[in-house]
Amino acid sequence: GNPNAQNNWDVNARNGVPSKGLLQVIQPTFSAYHVDGTAHDLTNPVANITAAANYAAHRYGSIDNVNSAY
């Protein structure tokens, strides 16, 4: 994947908060679920993935409960 990927066409982008990074996190979610010890850069791969996983665990109880393609 591209750690600098940015979604410029969904509802978040239309509202001025585009999804960014490997797991397409918006800045408010990244800020709320940032993991201490990782970079404060939304496009940093480790920071992006850990914040997204932290969000998924908080929102869904476990990363295993997130609906996906498999």
N, C-alpha and C. Protein backbone atom coordinates (compact mmCIF):
# COMPACT_ATOMS: atom_id res chain seq x y z
N GLY A 1 0.81 -1.18 0.00
CA GLY A 1 0.00 0.00 0.00
C GLY A 1 0.86 1.25 0.00
N ASN A 2 0.17 2.34 -0.15
CA ASN A 2 0.81 3.65 -0.19
C ASN A 2 0.50 4.39 1.11
N PRO A 3 1.48 4.60 1.98
CA PRO A 3 1.21 5.29 3.24
C PRO A 3 0.77 6.74 3.05
N ASN A 4 0.97 7.29 1.86
CA ASN A 4 0.56 8.67 1.58
C ASN A 4 -0.76 8.74 0.81
N ALA A 5 -1.45 7.60 0.68
CA ALA A 5 -2.73 7.59 -0.04
C ALA A 5 -3.72 8.51 0.66
N GLN A 6 -4.52 9.20 -0.15
CA GLN A 6 -5.52 10.10 0.40
C GLN A 6 -6.79 9.97 -0.43
N ASN A 7 -7.92 9.80 0.24
CA ASN A 7 -9.22 9.69 -0.40
C ASN A 7 -9.80 11.10 -0.52
N ASN A 8 -9.95 11.56 -1.74
CA ASN A 8 -10.46 12.90 -1.99
C ASN A 8 -11.88 12.92 -2.53
N TRP A 9 -12.60 11.80 -2.41
CA TRP A 9 -13.91 11.76 -3.06
C TRP A 9 -15.06 11.28 -2.17
N ASP A 10 -14.81 10.80 -0.96
CA ASP A 10 -15.91 10.31 -0.13
C ASP A 10 -16.51 11.44 0.71
N VAL A 11 -17.47 11.10 1.55
CA VAL A 11 -18.15 12.11 2.37
C VAL A 11 -17.19 12.83 3.32
N ASN A 12 -16.21 12.11 3.84
CA ASN A 12 -15.23 12.77 4.71
C ASN A 12 -14.45 13.83 3.95
N ALA A 13 -14.03 13.49 2.74
CA ALA A 13 -13.28 14.46 1.92
C ALA A 13 -14.16 15.66 1.58
N ARG A 14 -15.42 15.41 1.25
CA ARG A 14 -16.34 16.52 0.94
C ARG A 14 -16.53 17.43 2.16
N ASN A 15 -16.40 16.85 3.35
CA ASN A 15 -16.51 17.64 4.57
C ASN A 15 -15.19 18.25 5.01
N GLY A 16 -14.14 18.08 4.19
CA GLY A 16 -12.84 18.69 4.45
C GLY A 16 -11.91 17.87 5.33
N VAL A 17 -12.26 16.59 5.56
CA VAL A 17 -11.44 15.73 6.41
C VAL A 17 -11.18 14.42 5.66
N PRO A 18 -10.30 14.43 4.67
CA PRO A 18 -10.08 13.22 3.88
C PRO A 18 -9.41 12.10 4.67
N SER A 19 -9.75 10.88 4.31
CA SER A 19 -9.09 9.71 4.89
C SER A 19 -7.69 9.62 4.32
N LYS A 20 -6.73 9.24 5.18
CA LYS A 20 -5.33 9.18 4.74
C LYS A 20 -4.65 7.95 5.29
N GLY A 21 -3.58 7.56 4.62
CA GLY A 21 -2.72 6.49 5.10
C GLY A 21 -3.14 5.11 4.66
N LEU A 22 -2.41 4.12 5.16
CA LEU A 22 -2.64 2.74 4.76
C LEU A 22 -4.04 2.25 5.08
N LEU A 23 -4.57 2.63 6.24
CA LEU A 23 -5.90 2.16 6.63
C LEU A 23 -6.95 3.26 6.54
N GLN A 24 -6.63 4.33 5.82
CA GLN A 24 -7.59 5.39 5.51
C GLN A 24 -8.32 5.91 6.74
N VAL A 25 -7.56 6.53 7.62
CA VAL A 25 -8.07 7.09 8.86
C VAL A 25 -8.24 8.60 8.68
N ILE A 26 -9.32 9.16 9.25
CA ILE A 26 -9.47 10.61 9.24
C ILE A 26 -8.76 11.19 10.46
N GLN A 27 -8.37 12.45 10.36
CA GLN A 27 -7.57 13.07 11.42
C GLN A 27 -8.24 13.03 12.80
N PRO A 28 -9.54 13.33 12.93
CA PRO A 28 -10.14 13.26 14.27
C PRO A 28 -10.07 11.87 14.89
N THR A 29 -10.26 10.84 14.09
CA THR A 29 -10.17 9.46 14.59
C THR A 29 -8.74 9.15 14.98
N PHE A 30 -7.79 9.55 14.13
CA PHE A 30 -6.38 9.33 14.44
C PHE A 30 -6.01 10.01 15.76
N SER A 31 -6.44 11.24 15.93
CA SER A 31 -6.11 11.97 17.16
C SER A 31 -6.72 11.31 18.39
N ALA A 32 -7.94 10.83 18.26
CA ALA A 32 -8.64 10.22 19.40
C ALA A 32 -8.07 8.86 19.77
N TYR A 33 -7.58 8.11 18.78
CA TYR A 33 -7.13 6.73 19.02
C TYR A 33 -5.63 6.54 18.83
N HIS A 34 -4.89 7.64 18.74
CA HIS A 34 -3.43 7.57 18.61
C HIS A 34 -2.85 6.75 19.75
N VAL A 35 -1.86 5.95 19.44
CA VAL A 35 -1.20 5.11 20.44
C VAL A 35 0.10 5.78 20.87
N ASP A 36 0.21 6.02 22.18
CA ASP A 36 1.43 6.63 22.71
C ASP A 36 2.66 5.84 22.27
N GLY A 37 3.69 6.56 21.94
CA GLY A 37 4.94 5.93 21.51
C GLY A 37 5.05 5.83 19.99
N THR A 38 3.95 6.12 19.28
CA THR A 38 4.02 6.14 17.82
C THR A 38 4.06 7.59 17.36
N ALA A 39 4.42 7.77 16.11
CA ALA A 39 4.53 9.12 15.55
C ALA A 39 3.18 9.83 15.58
N HIS A 40 3.21 11.14 15.66
CA HIS A 40 1.99 11.94 15.61
C HIS A 40 1.71 12.37 14.17
N ASP A 41 2.02 11.50 13.23
CA ASP A 41 1.87 11.74 11.80
C ASP A 41 0.88 10.72 11.25
N LEU A 42 -0.25 11.20 10.78
CA LEU A 42 -1.32 10.33 10.28
C LEU A 42 -0.86 9.39 9.17
N THR A 43 0.11 9.79 8.38
CA THR A 43 0.57 8.94 7.29
C THR A 43 1.73 8.03 7.66
N ASN A 44 2.21 8.11 8.90
CA ASN A 44 3.23 7.17 9.35
C ASN A 44 2.59 5.80 9.43
N PRO A 45 3.13 4.81 8.73
CA PRO A 45 2.47 3.50 8.67
C PRO A 45 2.16 2.87 10.03
N VAL A 46 3.11 2.87 10.94
CA VAL A 46 2.88 2.25 12.25
C VAL A 46 1.82 3.02 13.02
N ALA A 47 1.92 4.34 13.04
CA ALA A 47 0.95 5.16 13.76
C ALA A 47 -0.44 5.02 13.16
N ASN A 48 -0.54 4.97 11.84
CA ASN A 48 -1.82 4.84 11.16
C ASN A 48 -2.47 3.50 11.48
N ILE A 49 -1.71 2.43 11.38
CA ILE A 49 -2.24 1.09 11.62
C ILE A 49 -2.64 0.91 13.08
N THR A 50 -1.80 1.36 14.00
CA THR A 50 -2.12 1.15 15.41
C THR A 50 -3.32 2.00 15.84
N ALA A 51 -3.44 3.21 15.34
CA ALA A 51 -4.61 4.03 15.66
C ALA A 51 -5.87 3.39 15.09
N ALA A 52 -5.81 2.90 13.86
CA ALA A 52 -6.97 2.25 13.24
C ALA A 52 -7.36 0.98 14.00
N ALA A 53 -6.38 0.20 14.41
CA ALA A 53 -6.66 -1.02 15.17
C ALA A 53 -7.23 -0.68 16.54
N ASN A 54 -6.72 0.36 17.17
CA ASN A 54 -7.22 0.82 18.45
C ASN A 54 -8.68 1.27 18.31
N TYR A 55 -8.98 2.01 17.24
CA TYR A 55 -10.36 2.42 16.96
C TYR A 55 -11.26 1.21 16.76
N ALA A 56 -10.84 0.26 15.93
CA ALA A 56 -11.65 -0.92 15.65
C ALA A 56 -11.92 -1.73 16.91
N ALA A 57 -10.91 -1.88 17.75
CA ALA A 57 -11.09 -2.63 19.00
C ALA A 57 -12.08 -1.90 19.91
N HIS A 58 -11.98 -0.57 19.98
CA HIS A 58 -12.88 0.21 20.81
C HIS A 58 -14.30 0.19 20.25
N ARG A 59 -14.43 0.36 18.96
CA ARG A 59 -15.75 0.45 18.32
C ARG A 59 -16.46 -0.89 18.22
N TYR A 60 -15.71 -1.95 17.92
CA TYR A 60 -16.30 -3.26 17.64
C TYR A 60 -15.99 -4.32 18.68
N GLY A 61 -15.21 -3.98 19.70
CA GLY A 61 -14.88 -4.94 20.75
C GLY A 61 -13.63 -5.74 20.44
N SER A 62 -13.35 -5.94 19.17
CA SER A 62 -12.18 -6.69 18.72
C SER A 62 -12.00 -6.46 17.24
N ILE A 63 -10.77 -6.48 16.79
CA ILE A 63 -10.52 -6.37 15.36
C ILE A 63 -11.17 -7.52 14.61
N ASP A 64 -11.39 -8.66 15.30
CA ASP A 64 -12.02 -9.83 14.68
C ASP A 64 -13.50 -9.61 14.40
N ASN A 65 -14.12 -8.62 15.04
CA ASN A 65 -15.53 -8.36 14.84
C ASN A 65 -15.83 -7.37 13.72
N VAL A 66 -14.79 -6.87 13.05
CA VAL A 66 -14.97 -5.93 11.97
C VAL A 66 -15.34 -6.70 10.71
N ASN A 67 -16.47 -6.33 10.08
CA ASN A 67 -16.87 -6.99 8.83
C ASN A 67 -15.85 -6.65 7.76
N SER A 68 -15.48 -7.66 6.98
CA SER A 68 -14.51 -7.44 5.92
C SER A 68 -14.78 -8.38 4.76
N ALA A 69 -13.86 -8.41 3.84
CA ALA A 69 -14.03 -9.20 2.62
C ALA A 69 -13.83 -10.68 2.81
N TYR A 70 -13.32 -11.11 3.95
CA TYR A 70 -13.06 -12.52 4.11
C TYR A 70 -14.15 -13.23 4.89
